[in-house]
Amino acid sequence: MTAADGGPLLDDDGVPRGQPVLDALVRLLDLERLEEDLFRGVSPPMSPVRVFGGQVAAQALVATGRTVPPDRRVHSLHAYFIRPGDPSVPIVYQVDRTRDGRSFTTRRVVAIQHGKPIFTMSSSFQVDEPGVDHAVDLPAVPEPETLPTMSERLAAADPKPPFFARVPRPFDIRYVEAPHWTGRAQPRPGVRVRVWFRPDGALPDDDLLHVCVLAYLSDLTLLDSVLASHGVAVGEDVTQLASLDHAMWFHRPIRLDDWVLYDTDSPSASGGRGLATGRFFARSGALLATVVQEGLIRVR
């Protein structure tokens, strides 16, 4: 998935995609170790006015994961977004080794810019253990290959959503239903927003990287379910949209070698905040992770 000259492919709307773009995301998550529990990350050159929340969460999980024995997998994280991240300067991640038990390991990390915390996260890791096993079923949805591509969705959008303009695409993204931003949408309380994701290339064989990429993905479309419930769109009606807090539970080993379905909805919105919940399913049907986020949503 690389152009003949070795550069990235271009989508139908001229946006870079393919293996080089995915490789750039992998490099973004490969933090520089400054000291034993101190790491530094950067933002991509083509960044919006603030750092994408999924990037900070994924980089923070990389930092904590690199202080944990390899036989322990992350099973949950709980995070708060405190200040907007500045994409023009590096982010320093300071890890606190809260506890190392026989079965569980707990870590806390603070992301710092300009001498102030912009993000905090607690995460818990566990050795693999046997136990009871059940999960809800994969929703009945069309196969991802039968759905329009992101560039096709954008071509049908009127007006064009500004938040997707010219941003490189490391993932193939297929909305199951027409996104609310493709036109003047009517409010649809209780609507489910379901999106298939697949890396647009091959990820390295690194279990921690795969779960961190899922954390990155978890913040991409989650608040869409809040916006679709009220028929509003960023740039048209929404003057400010930001993640406030974020929690994830990882139920089973994460591999992103194939499509994953992100099934989200919004049970409540009030006080300038909207709550969204999501579930990640493997294409095989396995429930991989559950996500809950509250976001700031200010409308005209």
Protein backbone atom coordinates (compact mmCIF):
# COMPACT_ATOMS: atom_id res chain seq x y z
CA MET A 1 0.00 0.00 0.00
CA THR A 2 2.73 2.39 -1.06
CA ALA A 3 3.02 4.53 -4.17
CA ALA A 4 5.53 3.52 -6.85
CA ASP A 5 7.98 6.18 -5.67
CA GLY A 6 7.86 4.83 -2.10
CA GLY A 7 5.63 7.64 -0.83
CA PRO A 8 2.11 7.36 0.55
CA LEU A 9 -0.87 6.56 -1.62
CA LEU A 10 -3.46 9.28 -2.12
CA ASP A 11 -7.15 8.76 -1.48
CA ASP A 12 -9.67 9.86 -4.10
CA ASP A 13 -9.76 13.32 -2.46
CA GLY A 14 -5.96 13.64 -2.47
CA VAL A 15 -5.41 12.82 1.23
CA PRO A 16 -2.32 10.67 2.01
CA ARG A 17 -3.00 7.08 3.13
CA GLY A 18 -1.33 3.67 3.10
CA GLN A 19 1.66 2.05 4.78
CA PRO A 20 3.86 5.20 5.05
CA VAL A 21 1.07 7.04 6.86
CA LEU A 22 0.52 4.07 9.21
CA ASP A 23 4.29 3.88 9.80
CA ALA A 24 4.24 7.56 10.79
CA LEU A 25 1.62 6.74 13.45
CA VAL A 26 3.79 3.88 14.74
CA ARG A 27 6.74 6.29 15.04
CA LEU A 28 4.46 8.74 16.86
CA LEU A 29 3.81 6.06 19.50
CA ASP A 30 7.49 5.11 19.82
CA LEU A 31 8.30 7.42 22.73
CA GLU A 32 11.79 8.60 23.58
CA ARG A 33 12.93 7.35 27.01
CA LEU A 34 14.52 10.23 28.94
CA GLU A 35 14.96 8.44 32.28
CA GLU A 36 13.73 5.15 33.73
CA ASP A 37 10.13 6.38 34.19
CA LEU A 38 10.24 9.53 32.06
CA PHE A 39 9.31 9.60 28.36
CA ARG A 40 8.88 12.21 25.65
CA GLY A 41 6.47 12.21 22.73
CA VAL A 42 5.75 14.57 19.84
CA SER A 43 2.75 15.41 17.69
CA PRO A 44 2.51 14.96 13.91
CA PRO A 45 3.65 17.88 11.72
CA MET A 46 0.14 18.32 10.31
CA SER A 47 -1.72 18.88 13.59
CA PRO A 48 -4.87 20.86 14.42
CA VAL A 49 -4.81 23.70 16.95
CA ARG A 50 -4.67 21.20 19.81
CA VAL A 51 -3.31 17.70 20.25
CA PHE A 52 -5.77 14.91 19.41
CA GLY A 53 -6.91 13.28 22.65
CA GLY A 54 -6.53 9.75 21.32
CA GLN A 55 -2.87 10.47 20.62
CA VAL A 56 -2.22 11.55 24.22
CA ALA A 57 -4.07 8.51 25.62
CA ALA A 58 -2.18 6.13 23.33
CA GLN A 59 1.21 7.68 24.10
CA ALA A 60 0.45 7.60 27.83
CA LEU A 61 -0.40 3.91 27.56
CA VAL A 62 2.88 3.29 25.73
CA ALA A 63 4.73 5.03 28.59
CA THR A 64 3.06 2.97 31.33
CA GLY A 65 3.26 -0.25 29.34
CA ARG A 66 7.03 0.08 28.98
CA THR A 67 7.41 -0.02 32.77
CA VAL A 68 5.41 -3.25 33.16
CA PRO A 69 6.66 -6.86 32.79
CA PRO A 70 5.77 -8.27 29.34
CA ASP A 71 3.67 -11.10 30.82
CA ARG A 72 1.01 -8.60 32.00
CA ARG A 73 -1.63 -7.13 29.71
CA VAL A 74 -3.47 -3.87 30.32
CA HIS A 75 -7.08 -4.55 31.32
CA SER A 76 -8.30 -1.03 32.14
CA LEU A 77 -7.43 2.66 32.01
CA HIS A 78 -9.08 5.75 33.44
CA ALA A 79 -8.01 9.17 32.20
CA TYR A 80 -8.77 12.89 32.50
CA PHE A 81 -8.02 15.55 29.90
CA ILE A 82 -7.03 18.60 31.96
CA ARG A 83 -5.72 21.15 29.45
CA PRO A 84 -5.57 21.32 25.64
CA GLY A 85 -2.30 19.92 24.31
CA ASP A 86 0.02 22.18 22.31
CA PRO A 87 1.03 20.33 19.10
CA SER A 88 4.06 22.59 18.57
CA VAL A 89 6.04 21.31 21.58
CA PRO A 90 6.86 17.81 22.92
CA ILE A 91 4.83 16.13 25.67
CA VAL A 92 6.67 14.69 28.68
CA TYR A 93 5.12 11.58 30.29
CA GLN A 94 6.06 10.94 33.92
CA VAL A 95 5.16 7.45 35.16
CA ASP A 96 4.54 6.55 38.81
CA ARG A 97 4.97 2.84 39.67
CA THR A 98 2.00 2.72 42.02
CA ARG A 99 1.99 -1.02 42.74
CA ASP A 100 3.55 -4.28 41.56
CA GLY A 101 1.56 -7.22 42.91
CA ARG A 102 1.66 -10.94 42.22
CA SER A 103 -1.16 -10.72 39.65
CA PHE A 104 -1.80 -7.02 39.05
CA THR A 105 0.39 -4.02 38.27
CA THR A 106 -0.90 -0.44 38.64
CA ARG A 107 0.60 2.62 37.02
CA ARG A 108 -0.18 6.34 36.99
CA VAL A 109 1.11 8.73 34.35
CA VAL A 110 0.99 12.51 34.03
CA ALA A 111 1.45 14.22 30.65
CA ILE A 112 3.19 17.59 31.02
CA GLN A 113 3.61 20.61 28.73
CA HIS A 114 4.92 24.07 29.64
CA GLY A 115 5.45 22.82 33.21
CA LYS A 116 1.76 21.97 33.71
CA PRO A 117 -0.21 18.69 33.55
CA ILE A 118 -2.45 18.39 30.50
CA PHE A 119 -3.57 14.77 31.07
CA THR A 120 -3.53 12.11 33.79
CA MET A 121 -4.19 8.40 33.52
CA SER A 122 -4.27 5.37 35.79
CA SER A 123 -3.92 1.94 34.19
CA SER A 124 -3.98 -1.60 35.50
CA PHE A 125 -2.22 -4.67 34.08
CA GLN A 126 -2.82 -8.35 34.87
CA VAL A 127 -1.14 -11.67 34.21
CA ASP A 128 -3.22 -14.00 32.00
CA GLU A 129 -5.58 -16.09 34.13
CA PRO A 130 -8.37 -18.59 33.37
CA GLY A 131 -11.95 -17.85 34.44
CA VAL A 132 -15.58 -17.50 33.39
CA ASP A 133 -16.03 -16.20 29.87
CA HIS A 134 -19.03 -14.60 28.12
CA ALA A 135 -19.72 -11.57 25.93
CA VAL A 136 -22.45 -9.83 23.95
CA ASP A 137 -22.69 -10.68 20.26
CA LEU A 138 -21.34 -8.71 17.32
CA PRO A 139 -24.19 -6.56 15.92
CA ALA A 140 -25.68 -7.57 12.57
CA VAL A 141 -24.01 -5.06 10.23
CA PRO A 142 -22.85 -5.13 6.58
CA GLU A 143 -19.35 -6.34 5.79
CA PRO A 144 -16.89 -3.41 5.69
CA GLU A 145 -15.87 -3.97 2.05
CA THR A 146 -19.47 -3.31 0.96
CA LEU A 147 -19.59 0.14 2.58
CA PRO A 148 -18.48 3.51 1.15
CA THR A 149 -14.92 4.64 1.82
CA MET A 150 -14.16 7.77 3.83
CA SER A 151 -13.35 9.74 0.66
CA GLU A 152 -16.71 8.66 -0.83
CA ARG A 153 -18.51 9.77 2.35
CA LEU A 154 -16.71 13.11 2.25
CA ALA A 155 -17.56 13.60 -1.43
CA ALA A 156 -21.25 13.29 -0.51
CA ALA A 157 -21.00 15.70 2.43
CA ASP A 158 -22.58 19.15 2.12
CA PRO A 159 -21.05 21.23 3.58
CA LYS A 160 -17.64 19.58 3.81
CA PRO A 161 -16.66 18.82 7.42
CA PRO A 162 -13.58 20.93 8.24
CA PHE A 163 -12.19 18.49 10.81
CA PHE A 164 -11.35 15.87 8.15
CA ALA A 165 -9.69 18.26 5.70
CA ARG A 166 -6.28 17.13 4.47
CA VAL A 167 -5.49 14.99 7.56
CA PRO A 168 -3.49 11.86 6.55
CA ARG A 169 -5.42 8.61 7.06
CA PRO A 170 -3.55 5.72 8.69
CA PHE A 171 -6.85 3.78 8.88
CA ASP A 172 -9.45 2.60 6.40
CA ILE A 173 -12.68 3.92 7.95
CA ARG A 174 -16.13 2.68 6.89
CA TYR A 175 -19.25 4.12 8.54
CA VAL A 176 -22.09 1.59 8.60
CA GLU A 177 -24.76 4.29 8.41
CA ALA A 178 -24.39 7.66 6.67
CA PRO A 179 -22.54 9.94 9.15
CA HIS A 180 -24.44 12.87 10.62
CA TRP A 181 -21.89 15.24 9.07
CA THR A 182 -22.76 14.29 5.48
CA GLY A 183 -25.62 16.81 5.45
CA ARG A 184 -28.09 18.73 7.56
CA ALA A 185 -29.13 15.92 9.88
CA GLN A 186 -32.28 15.55 11.92
CA PRO A 187 -31.96 14.77 15.65
CA ARG A 188 -31.99 11.02 16.26
CA PRO A 189 -32.04 10.35 20.02
CA GLY A 190 -30.73 6.90 20.86
CA VAL A 191 -28.99 6.49 17.48
CA ARG A 192 -26.07 4.06 17.28
CA VAL A 193 -23.00 5.14 15.33
CA ARG A 194 -21.15 2.09 14.01
CA VAL A 195 -17.82 2.28 12.23
CA TRP A 196 -15.46 -0.36 10.84
CA PHE A 197 -11.75 0.40 11.26
CA ARG A 198 -8.69 -1.30 9.80
CA PRO A 199 -5.05 -0.11 9.74
CA ASP A 200 -4.23 0.89 6.16
CA GLY A 201 -1.17 -1.34 6.11
CA ALA A 202 0.58 -3.79 8.44
CA LEU A 203 1.38 -3.06 12.08
CA PRO A 204 4.52 -4.50 13.71
CA ASP A 205 4.08 -7.70 15.75
CA ASP A 206 3.99 -5.91 19.11
CA ASP A 207 1.08 -6.65 21.47
CA LEU A 208 1.46 -3.39 23.41
CA LEU A 209 1.45 -1.37 20.18
CA HIS A 210 -1.78 -3.00 18.98
CA VAL A 211 -3.63 -2.17 22.19
CA CYS A 212 -2.25 1.41 22.15
CA VAL A 213 -3.47 1.86 18.56
CA LEU A 214 -6.92 0.72 19.73
CA ALA A 215 -6.77 3.40 22.46
CA TYR A 216 -5.94 5.94 19.71
CA LEU A 217 -8.92 4.76 17.65
CA SER A 218 -11.28 4.91 20.60
CA ASP A 219 -11.33 8.73 20.56
CA LEU A 220 -11.89 9.18 16.82
CA THR A 221 -15.66 8.76 16.43
CA LEU A 222 -16.96 8.22 19.98
CA LEU A 223 -18.65 11.62 20.42
CA ASP A 224 -20.34 11.27 17.01
CA SER A 225 -23.17 9.48 18.80
CA VAL A 226 -23.82 12.54 20.99
CA LEU A 227 -23.79 14.90 18.00
CA ALA A 228 -26.02 12.63 15.90
CA SER A 229 -28.56 12.44 18.74
CA HIS A 230 -29.09 16.20 18.38
CA GLY A 231 -28.49 16.64 14.66
CA VAL A 232 -25.54 18.99 15.18
CA ALA A 233 -22.12 19.07 13.52
CA VAL A 234 -18.72 20.53 14.31
CA GLY A 235 -18.21 23.85 12.55
CA GLU A 236 -21.91 24.30 11.81
CA ASP A 237 -23.57 24.18 15.22
CA VAL A 238 -20.89 23.05 17.67
CA THR A 239 -18.48 25.80 18.76
CA GLN A 240 -16.38 23.63 21.07
CA LEU A 241 -15.87 19.87 21.28
CA ALA A 242 -13.34 18.30 23.63
CA SER A 243 -12.80 15.07 25.54
CA LEU A 244 -13.09 15.47 29.31
CA ASP A 245 -12.49 11.98 30.62
CA HIS A 246 -12.00 8.56 29.09
CA ALA A 247 -12.18 5.00 30.38
CA MET A 248 -11.47 1.69 28.66
CA TRP A 249 -11.70 -1.96 29.67
CA PHE A 250 -9.80 -4.47 27.54
CA HIS A 251 -11.54 -7.83 27.69
CA ARG A 252 -9.47 -9.97 25.36
CA PRO A 253 -6.09 -9.84 23.59
CA ILE A 254 -6.04 -7.06 20.97
CA ARG A 255 -4.82 -7.65 17.41
CA LEU A 256 -5.49 -5.13 14.66
CA ASP A 257 -4.54 -7.32 11.70
CA ASP A 258 -8.15 -7.22 10.41
CA TRP A 259 -11.24 -5.05 10.68
CA VAL A 260 -12.70 -4.06 14.07
CA LEU A 261 -16.21 -2.66 14.57
CA TYR A 262 -16.75 0.30 16.90
CA ASP A 263 -20.40 0.37 18.05
CA THR A 264 -21.23 3.55 19.97
CA ASP A 265 -24.24 5.34 21.45
CA SER A 266 -25.01 8.21 23.85
CA PRO A 267 -27.18 7.51 26.90
CA SER A 268 -27.24 11.13 28.13
CA ALA A 269 -26.25 14.75 27.48
CA SER A 270 -26.75 17.75 29.77
CA GLY A 271 -24.96 20.75 31.23
CA GLY A 272 -22.77 21.26 28.14
CA ARG A 273 -21.49 17.66 28.41
CA GLY A 274 -22.33 14.51 26.51
CA LEU A 275 -21.73 10.91 27.57
CA ALA A 276 -20.87 8.27 24.98
CA THR A 277 -20.26 4.54 25.31
CA GLY A 278 -18.68 2.18 22.80
CA ARG A 279 -17.75 -1.44 22.19
CA PHE A 280 -14.98 -2.76 19.96
CA PHE A 281 -15.60 -6.10 18.25
CA ALA A 282 -13.19 -8.20 16.24
CA ARG A 283 -14.50 -9.21 12.83
CA SER A 284 -14.67 -12.77 14.18
CA GLY A 285 -17.29 -11.56 16.70
CA ALA A 286 -15.16 -11.38 19.86
CA LEU A 287 -15.83 -8.42 22.14
CA LEU A 288 -12.42 -6.75 22.53
CA ALA A 289 -12.99 -3.62 24.62
CA THR A 290 -15.58 -1.31 26.17
CA VAL A 291 -15.18 2.49 26.19
CA VAL A 292 -16.92 5.30 28.10
CA GLN A 293 -16.21 8.99 27.57
CA GLU A 294 -17.69 12.31 28.63
CA GLY A 295 -17.07 15.22 26.31
CA LEU A 296 -17.54 18.98 26.40
CA ILE A 297 -20.04 20.01 23.73
CA ARG A 298 -20.89 23.69 23.38
CA VAL A 299 -23.42 24.69 20.73
CA ARG A 300 -24.52 28.01 19.30
